[in-house]
Amino acid sequence: MRVVFREATEADIPAIVAMLSDDILGQGRETKDLNVYLAAFAEMQRERGNVLYVGEMDGEVIATYQMTLISGLSLTATTRAQVESVRVATALRGRGIGTLLMQDAEARARAGGAGLMQFNSNKTRKDAHKFYAREGYVGTHEGFKKTL
């Protein structure tokens, strides 16, 4: 199995949105209007250090994640890599693609000068939490959100 990770293009947005929508949480919060996502992608491309990646296998987008590099003062001015929207196509889960995705993200984070990779995972995603623990990640913080 050969998965190639690369920066996403506008042409990848429909496949990415399909992955975001293909779970119990995404079904209730994503929309079928691709224009919303295309506009957000265009905005992301204007932001320094905010990149959307896809994993491609046999010419098909089968995984995705977004990474934002964040400069900061705490932890002796450690740059953080914030990872969001981690997805592997449902039909391909359990085949090691998630591990490859996280390895790719970690390598890109290091190359970008990050000394710490962090992300949030919905409390209901118990299988994802087990996966992240196997990958060496530790749940160290409680996250808070407020819709504005």
Protein backbone atom coordinates (compact mmCIF):
# COMPACT_ATOMS: atom_id res chain seq x y z
CA MET A 1 0.00 0.00 0.00
CA ARG A 2 1.51 3.30 -1.10
CA VAL A 3 0.00 6.51 0.24
CA VAL A 4 1.44 9.83 -0.92
CA PHE A 5 0.74 12.91 1.21
CA ARG A 6 0.73 16.30 -0.46
CA GLU A 7 -0.76 19.76 -0.09
CA ALA A 8 -4.42 19.82 -1.05
CA THR A 9 -5.67 21.66 -4.12
CA GLU A 10 -9.07 23.13 -4.83
CA ALA A 11 -9.89 20.02 -6.87
CA ASP A 12 -9.53 17.91 -3.69
CA ILE A 13 -12.21 19.79 -1.74
CA PRO A 14 -15.18 17.56 -2.73
CA ALA A 15 -13.32 14.41 -1.58
CA ILE A 16 -12.25 16.10 1.66
CA VAL A 17 -15.79 17.28 2.42
CA ALA A 18 -17.09 13.78 1.74
CA MET A 19 -14.71 12.41 4.39
CA LEU A 20 -15.67 15.15 6.85
CA SER A 21 -19.35 14.35 6.30
CA ASP A 22 -18.95 10.57 6.54
CA ASP A 23 -19.42 10.08 10.27
CA ILE A 24 -22.11 10.62 12.88
CA LEU A 25 -20.75 14.03 13.90
CA GLY A 26 -20.09 15.28 10.38
CA GLN A 27 -23.55 14.31 9.17
CA GLY A 28 -25.01 16.89 11.51
CA ARG A 29 -22.58 19.73 11.00
CA GLU A 30 -21.38 19.68 7.39
CA THR A 31 -23.29 21.08 4.42
CA LYS A 32 -23.65 20.00 0.80
CA ASP A 33 -22.84 23.54 -0.39
CA LEU A 34 -19.24 23.22 -1.62
CA ASN A 35 -18.96 27.00 -2.05
CA VAL A 36 -18.59 27.37 1.72
CA TYR A 37 -15.61 25.02 1.73
CA LEU A 38 -14.05 26.50 -1.41
CA ALA A 39 -14.17 29.98 0.15
CA ALA A 40 -12.62 28.66 3.38
CA PHE A 41 -9.89 26.87 1.41
CA ALA A 42 -9.06 30.09 -0.46
CA GLU A 43 -8.79 31.92 2.87
CA MET A 44 -6.56 29.19 4.32
CA GLN A 45 -4.19 29.54 1.37
CA ARG A 46 -3.72 33.24 2.22
CA GLU A 47 -2.73 32.43 5.82
CA ARG A 48 0.90 31.76 6.63
CA GLY A 49 1.49 28.37 8.22
CA ASN A 50 -2.04 27.00 7.68
CA VAL A 51 -2.03 24.10 5.24
CA LEU A 52 -4.50 21.39 4.26
CA TYR A 53 -2.97 18.04 3.26
CA VAL A 54 -4.37 14.96 1.58
CA GLY A 55 -3.23 11.38 1.38
CA GLU A 56 -3.61 9.89 -2.06
CA MET A 57 -3.59 6.21 -3.04
CA ASP A 58 -3.90 5.06 -6.64
CA GLY A 59 -4.93 8.59 -7.67
CA GLU A 60 -7.76 8.78 -5.11
CA VAL A 61 -7.87 11.08 -2.04
CA ILE A 62 -8.26 8.75 0.94
CA ALA A 63 -7.07 10.83 3.93
CA THR A 64 -6.76 14.43 5.05
CA TYR A 65 -5.55 16.71 7.83
CA GLN A 66 -5.02 20.41 8.38
CA MET A 67 -1.96 21.78 10.13
CA THR A 68 -1.40 25.26 11.47
CA LEU A 69 1.95 26.33 12.90
CA ILE A 70 1.52 28.57 15.93
CA SER A 71 4.35 30.65 17.39
CA GLY A 72 4.17 31.23 21.12
CA LEU A 73 6.03 32.28 24.23
CA SER A 74 5.20 29.45 26.63
CA LEU A 75 7.33 26.31 26.90
CA THR A 76 10.39 28.41 26.16
CA ALA A 77 8.88 29.85 22.99
CA THR A 78 7.98 26.47 21.48
CA THR A 79 6.26 26.53 18.11
CA ARG A 80 3.19 24.29 18.10
CA ALA A 81 1.71 22.36 15.23
CA GLN A 82 -2.08 22.38 15.66
CA VAL A 83 -3.65 19.51 13.72
CA GLU A 84 -7.34 19.50 12.80
CA SER A 85 -9.81 17.57 10.68
CA VAL A 86 -7.91 14.28 10.68
CA ARG A 87 -9.78 11.77 8.53
CA VAL A 88 -9.17 8.49 6.76
CA ALA A 89 -11.80 7.17 4.34
CA THR A 90 -14.13 4.89 6.30
CA ALA A 91 -13.62 1.89 4.02
CA LEU A 92 -9.83 2.06 4.51
CA ARG A 93 -9.62 2.43 8.29
CA GLY A 94 -7.65 -0.18 10.20
CA ARG A 95 -5.03 -0.58 7.45
CA GLY A 96 -2.30 1.63 8.87
CA ILE A 97 -3.17 4.75 6.88
CA GLY A 98 -3.80 6.75 10.05
CA THR A 99 -0.32 5.88 11.29
CA LEU A 100 1.16 7.03 7.98
CA LEU A 101 -0.89 10.24 8.21
CA MET A 102 0.36 11.01 11.72
CA GLN A 103 3.96 10.25 10.68
CA ASP A 104 3.59 12.65 7.77
CA ALA A 105 2.11 15.34 10.03
CA GLU A 106 4.90 14.91 12.59
CA ALA A 107 7.60 15.16 9.92
CA ARG A 108 6.03 18.32 8.48
CA ALA A 109 5.66 19.79 11.97
CA ARG A 110 9.33 19.18 12.74
CA ALA A 111 10.35 20.62 9.36
CA GLY A 112 8.28 23.72 10.18
CA GLY A 113 10.17 24.19 13.44
CA ALA A 114 7.49 22.84 15.77
CA GLY A 115 8.54 21.24 19.03
CA LEU A 116 5.03 20.09 19.95
CA MET A 117 2.09 18.68 18.02
CA GLN A 118 -1.36 19.12 19.49
CA PHE A 119 -4.95 18.50 18.48
CA ASN A 120 -8.46 18.06 19.80
CA SER A 121 -10.62 15.00 19.42
CA ASN A 122 -14.32 14.90 20.18
CA LYS A 123 -15.02 13.07 23.43
CA THR A 124 -17.33 10.64 21.62
CA ARG A 125 -14.54 9.38 19.32
CA LYS A 126 -13.35 6.59 21.63
CA ASP A 127 -11.74 4.53 18.83
CA ALA A 128 -9.79 7.59 17.70
CA HIS A 129 -8.58 8.16 21.26
CA LYS A 130 -7.27 4.58 21.43
CA PHE A 131 -5.51 5.10 18.10
CA TYR A 132 -3.85 8.34 19.25
CA ALA A 133 -2.69 6.68 22.47
CA ARG A 134 -1.10 3.86 20.43
CA GLU A 135 0.68 6.54 18.39
CA GLY A 136 2.20 7.97 21.59
CA TYR A 137 -0.12 10.91 22.21
CA VAL A 138 -1.22 11.71 25.75
CA GLY A 139 -4.48 13.41 26.72
CA THR A 140 -3.03 16.19 28.88
CA HIS A 141 -5.67 18.91 28.69
CA GLU A 142 -9.42 19.41 28.83
CA GLY A 143 -10.65 21.40 25.81
CA PHE A 144 -13.34 24.08 25.86
CA LYS A 145 -15.37 25.55 23.00
CA LYS A 146 -18.06 28.18 22.65
CA THR A 147 -20.06 28.83 19.52
CA LEU A 148 -19.89 32.53 18.54
